[in-house]
């Protein structure tokens, strides 16, 4: 029977990065969601305390680059700044409210005979098919008495690699890309140096993932527009807003 993993920790650490090469350092306006709240009170950019937020996008806390001015932020959620040349973080933020993870992991681990066990991992991509995740790595600690692992991928699997890290008894499954709405399965047959005596499920896991998903935004924080404050024929800027989700530690207990 497959066990659907539950999330041990859930947090979003986000950054709005700006890359600017405009001459003359013109003033820039950057508008965020109208329903954005800062802190649990959701009342003011300067008030990070409280018990509940009024907006649908709630940031637990945030900090801004020294060039950012917040004079109109409480009125229209607009930031004004005079950007420095090059790339810099306009804003860093953190969200701990519940959100839907991009992946669902189901797992099965059971004894398969004397000194034998089998692990089956299933990954479900819970985002639209128009989006593709890249550089996915799935890791799972195995019992310390695991001596050998034989892997079996799905028929026709492309861009996938497996490895057993013997030094720390860890299963590693790498996938070059995962298209939204798809699912992938890995089977691993373990050879052990001793019997588990029914404790194998307690001695394996949790499953962790790292990945990058371009144009996927679980925080729902959005840049509504980015514009130069004073229009002039001198500037004809190319504006490009891109969303990227990266997971350094997405952990699920099996």
Protein backbone atom coordinates (compact mmCIF):
# COMPACT_ATOMS: atom_id res chain seq x y z
CA UNK A 1 0.00 0.00 0.00
CA UNK A 2 1.37 3.40 -0.97
CA UNK A 3 1.79 6.04 1.69
CA UNK A 4 1.26 9.64 0.66
CA UNK A 5 4.02 11.67 2.24
CA UNK A 6 3.09 14.57 4.48
CA UNK A 7 5.13 17.76 4.51
CA UNK A 8 7.43 18.27 7.49
CA UNK A 9 8.10 21.96 6.86
CA UNK A 10 6.49 24.50 4.55
CA UNK A 11 7.99 27.93 3.88
CA UNK A 12 8.61 30.23 0.93
CA UNK A 13 11.73 32.42 0.87
CA UNK A 14 11.29 34.76 -2.08
CA UNK A 15 13.19 37.55 -3.80
CA UNK A 16 12.28 40.18 -6.36
CA UNK A 17 15.46 40.71 -8.37
CA UNK A 18 15.91 43.66 -10.71
CA UNK A 19 18.49 44.00 -13.46
CA UNK A 20 18.79 47.55 -14.77
CA UNK A 21 21.17 49.21 -17.23
CA UNK A 22 19.24 52.46 -17.74
CA UNK A 23 21.41 55.55 -18.20
CA UNK A 24 20.78 58.53 -15.99
CA UNK A 25 19.24 56.50 -13.15
CA UNK A 26 15.55 57.39 -13.72
CA UNK A 27 12.97 56.75 -11.03
CA UNK A 28 11.15 53.42 -11.41
CA UNK A 29 7.69 52.43 -10.17
CA UNK A 30 7.01 48.78 -9.35
CA UNK A 31 3.44 47.76 -8.41
CA UNK A 32 2.55 44.59 -6.48
CA UNK A 33 -0.78 42.86 -5.72
CA UNK A 34 -3.54 45.12 -4.43
CA UNK A 35 -4.53 42.44 -1.91
CA UNK A 36 -1.01 42.11 -0.47
CA UNK A 37 -0.64 42.17 3.33
CA UNK A 38 2.59 42.47 5.29
CA UNK A 39 2.65 40.72 8.64
CA UNK A 40 -0.25 38.91 10.25
CA UNK A 41 -2.16 42.15 10.89
CA UNK A 42 -2.03 43.12 7.21
CA UNK A 43 -2.45 46.80 8.15
CA UNK A 44 0.80 48.54 7.38
CA UNK A 45 4.18 48.02 5.81
CA UNK A 46 5.66 49.16 9.12
CA UNK A 47 3.56 46.81 11.29
CA UNK A 48 4.70 43.19 11.24
CA UNK A 49 2.70 42.01 14.26
CA UNK A 50 -0.83 40.67 14.62
CA UNK A 51 -2.85 37.47 14.40
CA UNK A 52 -4.53 37.53 11.00
CA UNK A 53 -4.06 39.10 7.57
CA UNK A 54 -6.75 40.76 5.50
CA UNK A 55 -5.25 40.10 2.05
CA UNK A 56 -5.17 36.90 0.04
CA UNK A 57 -1.36 37.20 -0.26
CA UNK A 58 0.20 37.46 3.20
CA UNK A 59 3.92 37.94 3.72
CA UNK A 60 5.14 37.10 7.22
CA UNK A 61 7.98 39.58 6.89
CA UNK A 62 10.06 41.33 4.27
CA UNK A 63 12.91 43.77 3.77
CA UNK A 64 13.76 46.18 0.97
CA UNK A 65 16.82 47.45 -0.83
CA UNK A 66 18.12 50.79 0.44
CA UNK A 67 17.07 52.48 -2.82
CA UNK A 68 13.37 51.60 -2.33
CA UNK A 69 10.94 54.27 -1.09
CA UNK A 70 7.71 53.16 0.64
CA UNK A 71 5.85 56.49 0.72
CA UNK A 72 2.87 55.22 -1.32
CA UNK A 73 3.04 51.54 -0.47
CA UNK A 74 0.19 51.53 2.05
CA UNK A 75 -2.03 53.34 -0.46
CA UNK A 76 -1.50 51.46 -3.73
CA UNK A 77 1.15 48.79 -3.03
CA UNK A 78 3.64 50.61 -5.26
CA UNK A 79 7.38 50.79 -4.68
CA UNK A 80 9.47 53.64 -6.08
CA UNK A 81 13.22 53.42 -6.50
CA UNK A 82 16.19 54.77 -8.37
CA UNK A 83 17.89 51.53 -9.43
CA UNK A 84 21.63 51.04 -9.37
CA UNK A 85 23.31 49.64 -12.45
CA UNK A 86 23.34 45.88 -12.68
CA UNK A 87 21.39 43.31 -10.70
CA UNK A 88 20.22 43.68 -7.09
CA UNK A 89 17.42 42.40 -4.79
CA UNK A 90 14.57 44.92 -4.61
CA UNK A 91 12.78 42.93 -1.92
CA UNK A 92 13.21 39.74 0.11
CA UNK A 93 10.19 38.11 1.72
CA UNK A 94 9.07 35.05 3.67
CA UNK A 95 5.74 33.21 3.67
CA UNK A 96 4.74 30.48 6.13
CA UNK A 97 1.02 30.34 5.42
CA UNK A 98 -0.28 27.13 3.86
CA UNK A 99 0.24 26.76 0.11
CA UNK A 100 -0.10 23.93 -2.39
CA UNK A 101 3.23 22.22 -3.06
CA UNK A 102 4.13 21.70 -6.74
CA UNK A 103 4.80 17.99 -6.23
CA UNK A 104 3.08 15.10 -4.44
CA UNK A 105 5.19 12.13 -3.41
CA UNK A 106 3.82 8.65 -2.72
CA UNK A 107 6.09 5.91 -1.43
CA UNK A 108 6.15 2.25 -0.56
CA UNK A 109 8.88 0.40 1.29
CA UNK A 110 8.50 -3.18 2.42
CA UNK A 111 10.44 -6.35 3.04
CA UNK A 112 10.72 -8.63 -0.02
CA UNK A 113 12.30 -11.72 1.53
CA UNK A 114 15.31 -12.57 3.73
CA UNK A 115 17.75 -9.65 3.61
CA UNK A 116 15.72 -8.08 0.78
CA UNK A 117 13.49 -5.00 0.57
CA UNK A 118 11.84 -2.91 -2.12
CA UNK A 119 11.27 0.83 -2.38
CA UNK A 120 8.80 2.37 -4.86
CA UNK A 121 8.63 6.15 -5.28
CA UNK A 122 5.95 7.95 -7.31
CA UNK A 123 6.15 11.66 -8.11
CA UNK A 124 3.08 13.60 -9.28
CA UNK A 125 3.54 17.06 -10.80
CA UNK A 126 0.67 19.17 -9.42
CA UNK A 127 1.07 22.13 -11.79
CA UNK A 128 -0.23 22.90 -15.32
CA UNK A 129 1.08 20.98 -18.33
CA UNK A 130 2.27 24.27 -19.84
CA UNK A 131 4.98 24.43 -17.14
CA UNK A 132 8.10 22.26 -16.88
CA UNK A 133 10.28 21.65 -13.83
CA UNK A 134 14.03 21.30 -14.36
CA UNK A 135 17.01 19.71 -12.58
CA UNK A 136 14.99 17.62 -10.14
CA UNK A 137 16.85 15.56 -7.56
CA UNK A 138 15.02 13.17 -5.21
CA UNK A 139 16.89 11.77 -2.21
CA UNK A 140 15.90 9.20 0.38
CA UNK A 141 17.99 7.87 3.29
CA UNK A 142 17.96 4.06 3.41
CA UNK A 143 18.51 1.73 6.40
CA UNK A 144 22.13 1.76 7.58
CA UNK A 145 22.45 -1.96 6.86
CA UNK A 146 21.70 -1.53 3.11
CA UNK A 147 24.63 -2.95 1.12
CA UNK A 148 23.44 -2.83 -2.49
CA UNK A 149 20.63 -1.23 -4.53
CA UNK A 150 19.36 -2.24 -7.98
CA UNK A 151 17.22 0.36 -9.72
CA UNK A 152 14.41 -0.01 -12.24
CA UNK A 153 13.09 3.00 -14.16
CA UNK A 154 9.91 3.26 -16.21
CA UNK A 155 10.08 1.88 -19.78
CA UNK A 156 11.28 4.60 -22.12
CA UNK A 157 12.49 6.87 -19.32
CA UNK A 158 14.72 9.64 -20.74
CA UNK A 159 16.95 12.07 -18.86
CA UNK A 160 16.84 10.13 -15.60
CA UNK A 161 19.75 8.84 -13.51
CA UNK A 162 19.93 6.82 -10.30
CA UNK A 163 22.66 6.26 -7.73
CA UNK A 164 23.21 4.62 -4.36
CA UNK A 165 25.49 6.76 -2.18
CA UNK A 166 27.08 3.98 -0.17
CA UNK A 167 29.00 6.36 2.12
CA UNK A 168 25.80 7.70 3.70
CA UNK A 169 23.32 5.01 2.58
CA UNK A 170 21.27 7.37 0.44
CA UNK A 171 19.17 6.74 -2.68
CA UNK A 172 19.42 9.47 -5.33
CA UNK A 173 17.12 9.90 -8.33
CA UNK A 174 17.81 12.69 -10.83
CA UNK A 175 15.37 13.81 -13.52
CA UNK A 176 16.32 16.34 -16.17
CA UNK A 177 12.75 17.65 -16.47
CA UNK A 178 9.17 16.95 -15.38
CA UNK A 179 6.17 18.29 -17.32
CA UNK A 180 3.19 19.48 -15.30
CA UNK A 181 0.46 16.88 -14.82
CA UNK A 182 2.82 13.94 -15.36
CA UNK A 183 3.88 11.20 -12.95
CA UNK A 184 7.08 9.21 -12.67
CA UNK A 185 7.98 6.01 -10.84
CA UNK A 186 11.20 4.54 -9.50
CA UNK A 187 11.66 1.03 -8.12
CA UNK A 188 14.69 0.16 -6.01
CA UNK A 189 15.50 -3.34 -4.78
CA UNK A 190 17.62 -3.33 -1.63
CA UNK A 191 20.04 -5.97 -0.41
CA UNK A 192 20.66 -5.80 3.34
CA UNK A 193 23.31 -7.20 5.68
CA UNK A 194 20.76 -7.98 8.40
CA UNK A 195 17.04 -8.44 8.87
CA UNK A 196 14.96 -5.40 9.72
CA UNK A 197 12.60 -7.24 12.09
CA UNK A 198 9.68 -5.18 10.82
CA UNK A 199 11.32 -1.78 11.46
CA UNK A 200 12.33 -0.93 7.91
CA UNK A 201 9.70 1.80 7.48
CA UNK A 202 11.06 3.56 10.58
CA UNK A 203 14.64 3.38 9.35
CA UNK A 204 14.13 4.90 5.88
CA UNK A 205 13.28 8.44 4.77
CA UNK A 206 12.24 11.19 4.80
CA UNK A 207 12.14 11.85 1.04
CA UNK A 208 13.54 15.22 -0.04
CA UNK A 209 13.52 17.05 -3.39
CA UNK A 210 15.32 19.96 -5.00
CA UNK A 211 14.07 21.50 -8.25
CA UNK A 212 13.63 24.62 -10.36
CA UNK A 213 10.31 25.58 -12.01
CA UNK A 214 10.42 28.57 -14.39
CA UNK A 215 7.22 30.66 -14.63
CA UNK A 216 5.62 29.03 -11.58
CA UNK A 217 4.69 31.23 -8.62
CA UNK A 218 3.32 29.45 -5.51
CA UNK A 219 3.47 32.64 -3.39
CA UNK A 220 1.02 34.44 -5.75
CA UNK A 221 3.02 37.64 -5.21
CA UNK A 222 3.01 39.37 -8.59
CA UNK A 223 4.57 42.37 -10.29
CA UNK A 224 1.55 44.16 -11.82
CA UNK A 225 3.66 46.63 -13.74
CA UNK A 226 7.15 48.06 -13.92
CA UNK A 227 7.51 51.52 -15.45
CA UNK A 228 9.67 54.62 -15.61
CA UNK A 229 8.05 57.38 -13.54
CA UNK A 230 8.59 60.20 -16.08
CA UNK A 231 7.92 59.31 -19.69
CA UNK A 232 10.53 60.50 -22.14
CA UNK A 233 11.66 59.60 -25.64
CA UNK A 234 15.15 59.08 -24.26
CA UNK A 235 14.15 55.70 -22.88
CA UNK A 236 12.67 52.77 -24.71
CA UNK A 237 13.23 50.09 -22.04
CA UNK A 238 12.71 46.39 -22.56
CA UNK A 239 10.76 45.07 -19.57
CA UNK A 240 10.80 41.41 -18.72
CA UNK A 241 9.17 39.85 -15.67
CA UNK A 242 10.01 36.21 -15.02
CA UNK A 243 8.91 33.96 -12.16
CA UNK A 244 11.09 31.09 -10.97
CA UNK A 245 10.42 28.62 -8.14
CA UNK A 246 13.42 26.91 -6.57
CA UNK A 247 13.33 24.37 -3.76
CA UNK A 248 16.45 23.89 -1.70
CA UNK A 249 14.66 21.64 0.77
CA UNK A 250 11.26 20.12 0.03
CA UNK A 251 10.84 17.32 2.56
CA UNK A 252 8.10 14.73 2.99
CA UNK A 253 7.94 11.99 5.58
CA UNK A 254 7.04 8.57 4.18
